[in-house]
Amino acid sequence: MSARRPVPGGRLGRVAPLPFVGAAAILVALIVFTPVLLASGPSPLAAHAELTVYRVIGGPTTKFYVHAVGSDVAYSEIRVGLGTGFVWSGGCPTTPLNWTITNETDLLEMNVGTNATAVVLNATAIYDQGGVRTVYAGEIAFGLVNENLSDESLELASCPYTPGENPPHTWSVADLPLSLLLVNYGSGGPP
């Protein structure tokens, strides 16, 4: 019987010799990461739109800010609608609302405020890089509970217009601001 010579790398070394495995790993990394490294503009994470909610306990106004995760990302358009005129019941209202729409172009962020204790916020941010459009959107109902008390909080409910938005059910005003990512709908927008 002849003695077998050990192959460097064990059993794997017979099929894929170690020098080739290392070179192949580097080649795969270059193929995967080169487009990301050479891409112009902000990363997809930096361009992702988010909604930040802020209020002070006992204060008269709830403020909503729509902006990018990255601080230097401009949107070609941001639209924010505030729907009021309903009684908070813990969910997205089904009755007609009184809408106030703010729409601006070419900006880094938009902020709006309301004194209403029940409001539906509908936000859309459109990022356009070289003709490639990405739409971020979300529609969330907010209800202020225990107003002017130490346990003042916001109750939140996602609305069916923008599926995929999953806010927490309740958030203490003392713990604000709260940031929520808007849903990335690609080039088309919500269904």
Protein backbone atom coordinates (compact mmCIF):
# COMPACT_ATOMS: atom_id res chain seq x y z
CA MET A 1 0.00 0.00 0.00
CA SER A 2 1.20 3.42 -0.81
CA ALA A 3 0.99 6.23 1.70
CA ARG A 4 -1.00 9.25 0.63
CA ARG A 5 0.65 12.57 0.77
CA PRO A 6 -1.33 15.11 2.86
CA VAL A 7 -2.89 17.83 0.76
CA PRO A 8 -2.63 21.38 2.14
CA GLY A 9 -6.08 22.52 3.23
CA GLY A 10 -7.40 19.04 4.00
CA ARG A 11 -10.23 17.59 1.91
CA LEU A 12 -11.18 21.03 0.59
CA GLY A 13 -7.62 21.46 -0.68
CA ARG A 14 -8.12 18.56 -3.14
CA VAL A 15 -11.10 20.26 -4.76
CA ALA A 16 -10.14 23.91 -4.34
CA PRO A 17 -6.46 24.55 -3.65
CA LEU A 18 -6.00 27.34 -1.10
CA PRO A 19 -4.20 29.83 -3.38
CA PHE A 20 -7.13 29.65 -5.81
CA VAL A 21 -9.74 29.98 -3.04
CA GLY A 22 -8.14 33.21 -1.83
CA ALA A 23 -7.95 34.67 -5.34
CA ALA A 24 -11.54 33.64 -6.07
CA ALA A 25 -12.75 35.29 -2.83
CA ILE A 26 -11.02 38.55 -3.76
CA LEU A 27 -12.48 38.40 -7.28
CA VAL A 28 -16.02 37.84 -5.95
CA ALA A 29 -15.62 40.75 -3.48
CA LEU A 30 -14.49 43.03 -6.32
CA ILE A 31 -17.44 42.01 -8.51
CA VAL A 32 -19.93 42.61 -5.68
CA PHE A 33 -18.53 45.82 -4.19
CA THR A 34 -17.07 47.71 -7.18
CA PRO A 35 -20.45 49.08 -8.37
CA VAL A 36 -21.14 50.35 -4.85
CA LEU A 37 -17.71 51.94 -4.53
CA LEU A 38 -17.91 53.61 -7.93
CA ALA A 39 -21.54 54.75 -7.67
CA SER A 40 -21.99 58.49 -7.60
CA GLY A 41 -24.19 60.16 -5.05
CA PRO A 42 -25.24 58.98 -1.61
CA SER A 43 -25.69 55.35 -0.63
CA PRO A 44 -29.20 53.88 -0.79
CA LEU A 45 -29.34 53.91 3.02
CA ALA A 46 -28.40 57.62 3.19
CA ALA A 47 -31.08 58.46 0.59
CA HIS A 48 -33.83 56.55 2.46
CA ALA A 49 -36.50 58.96 3.73
CA GLU A 50 -37.62 58.99 7.32
CA LEU A 51 -40.28 60.74 9.34
CA THR A 52 -39.29 62.25 12.69
CA VAL A 53 -42.03 63.15 15.17
CA TYR A 54 -41.44 65.65 17.97
CA ARG A 55 -43.57 67.19 20.70
CA VAL A 56 -42.95 68.60 24.18
CA ILE A 57 -45.12 67.40 27.08
CA GLY A 58 -47.91 69.94 27.51
CA GLY A 59 -46.88 71.78 24.35
CA PRO A 60 -49.50 72.90 21.84
CA THR A 61 -47.90 71.50 18.66
CA THR A 62 -46.81 68.14 17.28
CA LYS A 63 -44.11 68.58 14.63
CA PHE A 64 -43.33 66.23 11.76
CA TYR A 65 -40.06 66.32 9.82
CA VAL A 66 -39.50 64.42 6.56
CA HIS A 67 -35.81 64.08 5.67
CA ALA A 68 -33.19 61.59 4.54
CA VAL A 69 -31.26 59.29 6.85
CA GLY A 70 -28.14 61.02 5.46
CA SER A 71 -27.99 64.72 6.25
CA ASP A 72 -26.96 65.91 2.79
CA VAL A 73 -29.50 64.18 0.53
CA ALA A 74 -31.83 66.39 -1.48
CA TYR A 75 -35.24 65.24 -2.69
CA SER A 76 -36.75 66.37 -5.95
CA GLU A 77 -40.13 66.59 -4.19
CA ILE A 78 -41.59 66.18 -0.72
CA ARG A 79 -45.36 66.15 -0.12
CA VAL A 80 -46.87 66.12 3.34
CA GLY A 81 -50.59 65.95 3.98
CA LEU A 82 -52.15 66.42 7.41
CA GLY A 83 -55.66 64.98 7.70
CA THR A 84 -57.75 66.25 10.62
CA GLY A 85 -61.41 66.43 11.64
CA PHE A 86 -61.90 63.03 13.25
CA VAL A 87 -62.14 61.62 16.76
CA TRP A 88 -59.27 59.32 17.72
CA SER A 89 -60.45 55.72 18.03
CA GLY A 90 -57.09 53.96 18.04
CA GLY A 91 -56.77 53.37 14.31
CA CYS A 92 -56.72 54.94 10.90
CA PRO A 93 -60.04 56.74 10.36
CA THR A 94 -62.47 55.66 7.66
CA THR A 95 -64.39 58.95 7.56
CA PRO A 96 -63.51 61.79 5.17
CA LEU A 97 -60.76 64.09 6.48
CA ASN A 98 -59.94 67.77 6.16
CA TRP A 99 -56.58 67.76 4.38
CA THR A 100 -53.85 70.40 4.45
CA ILE A 101 -51.24 69.57 1.80
CA THR A 102 -47.73 71.02 1.65
CA ASN A 103 -45.74 70.27 -1.50
CA GLU A 104 -42.23 71.57 -2.25
CA THR A 105 -39.45 70.70 -4.68
CA ASP A 106 -35.66 70.49 -4.46
CA LEU A 107 -35.14 70.46 -0.71
CA LEU A 108 -33.31 68.59 2.04
CA GLU A 109 -36.23 68.33 4.45
CA MET A 110 -39.73 69.53 5.14
CA ASN A 111 -41.40 70.13 8.47
CA VAL A 112 -45.02 70.74 9.34
CA GLY A 113 -46.86 71.06 12.61
CA THR A 114 -50.37 70.72 13.94
CA ASN A 115 -52.30 71.53 17.10
CA ALA A 116 -54.81 68.73 16.40
CA THR A 117 -54.90 65.87 18.91
CA ALA A 118 -55.84 63.39 16.16
CA VAL A 119 -54.13 63.58 12.78
CA VAL A 120 -53.30 61.40 9.81
CA LEU A 121 -49.95 62.20 8.27
CA ASN A 122 -49.38 61.22 4.64
CA ALA A 123 -45.75 61.80 3.56
CA THR A 124 -44.06 61.17 0.21
CA ALA A 125 -40.42 61.93 -0.60
CA ILE A 126 -39.14 61.44 -4.14
CA TYR A 127 -35.43 60.97 -4.67
CA ASP A 128 -34.23 61.42 -8.25
CA GLN A 129 -30.67 60.64 -9.23
CA GLY A 130 -29.92 61.02 -12.91
CA GLY A 131 -33.48 60.19 -13.97
CA VAL A 132 -33.74 57.15 -11.67
CA ARG A 133 -36.60 57.88 -9.31
CA THR A 134 -37.22 56.31 -5.90
CA VAL A 135 -40.45 56.99 -4.00
CA TYR A 136 -40.61 56.77 -0.21
CA ALA A 137 -44.03 57.07 1.42
CA GLY A 138 -45.98 56.44 4.58
CA GLU A 139 -49.42 57.18 5.98
CA ILE A 140 -49.77 57.01 9.75
CA ALA A 141 -52.54 58.06 12.13
CA PHE A 142 -51.53 59.75 15.40
CA GLY A 143 -53.67 60.27 18.47
CA LEU A 144 -52.55 62.32 21.47
CA VAL A 145 -53.65 60.70 24.74
CA ASN A 146 -53.38 61.98 28.32
CA GLU A 147 -52.79 65.49 27.03
CA ASN A 148 -50.97 67.82 29.48
CA LEU A 149 -50.30 64.98 31.93
CA SER A 150 -46.93 63.48 32.83
CA ASP A 151 -47.80 60.29 30.92
CA GLU A 152 -48.79 62.15 27.73
CA SER A 153 -48.23 59.86 24.75
CA LEU A 154 -48.92 59.35 21.10
CA GLU A 155 -50.81 56.34 19.83
CA LEU A 156 -49.91 55.38 16.26
CA ALA A 157 -51.62 53.27 13.62
CA SER A 158 -50.54 52.54 10.07
CA CYS A 159 -53.08 53.24 7.36
CA PRO A 160 -53.89 50.92 4.44
CA TYR A 161 -52.80 53.47 1.79
CA THR A 162 -49.13 52.60 2.43
CA PRO A 163 -48.77 48.92 3.29
CA GLY A 164 -45.49 48.02 4.92
CA GLU A 165 -45.36 50.91 7.40
CA ASN A 166 -45.21 49.41 10.90
CA PRO A 167 -45.01 52.07 13.61
CA PRO A 168 -45.06 51.21 17.31
CA HIS A 169 -48.56 51.24 18.83
CA THR A 170 -47.76 53.85 21.46
CA TRP A 171 -44.87 56.20 22.22
CA SER A 172 -44.37 58.38 25.28
CA VAL A 173 -44.02 62.09 24.50
CA ALA A 174 -41.20 62.18 27.05
CA ASP A 175 -39.25 59.77 24.80
CA LEU A 176 -39.65 61.83 21.61
CA PRO A 177 -38.28 62.38 19.01
CA LEU A 178 -39.36 59.20 17.23
CA SER A 179 -37.94 58.40 13.79
CA LEU A 180 -39.74 56.05 11.40
CA LEU A 181 -38.44 54.96 8.00
CA LEU A 182 -40.87 55.56 5.17
CA VAL A 183 -41.55 52.59 2.89
CA ASN A 184 -39.38 52.31 -0.24
CA TYR A 185 -41.77 51.77 -3.17
CA GLY A 186 -39.12 51.90 -5.87
CA SER A 187 -39.91 54.01 -8.91
CA GLY A 188 -43.71 53.66 -8.78
CA GLY A 189 -45.10 54.65 -5.40
CA PRO A 190 -47.70 53.11 -3.10
CA PRO A 191 -50.28 50.73 -4.62
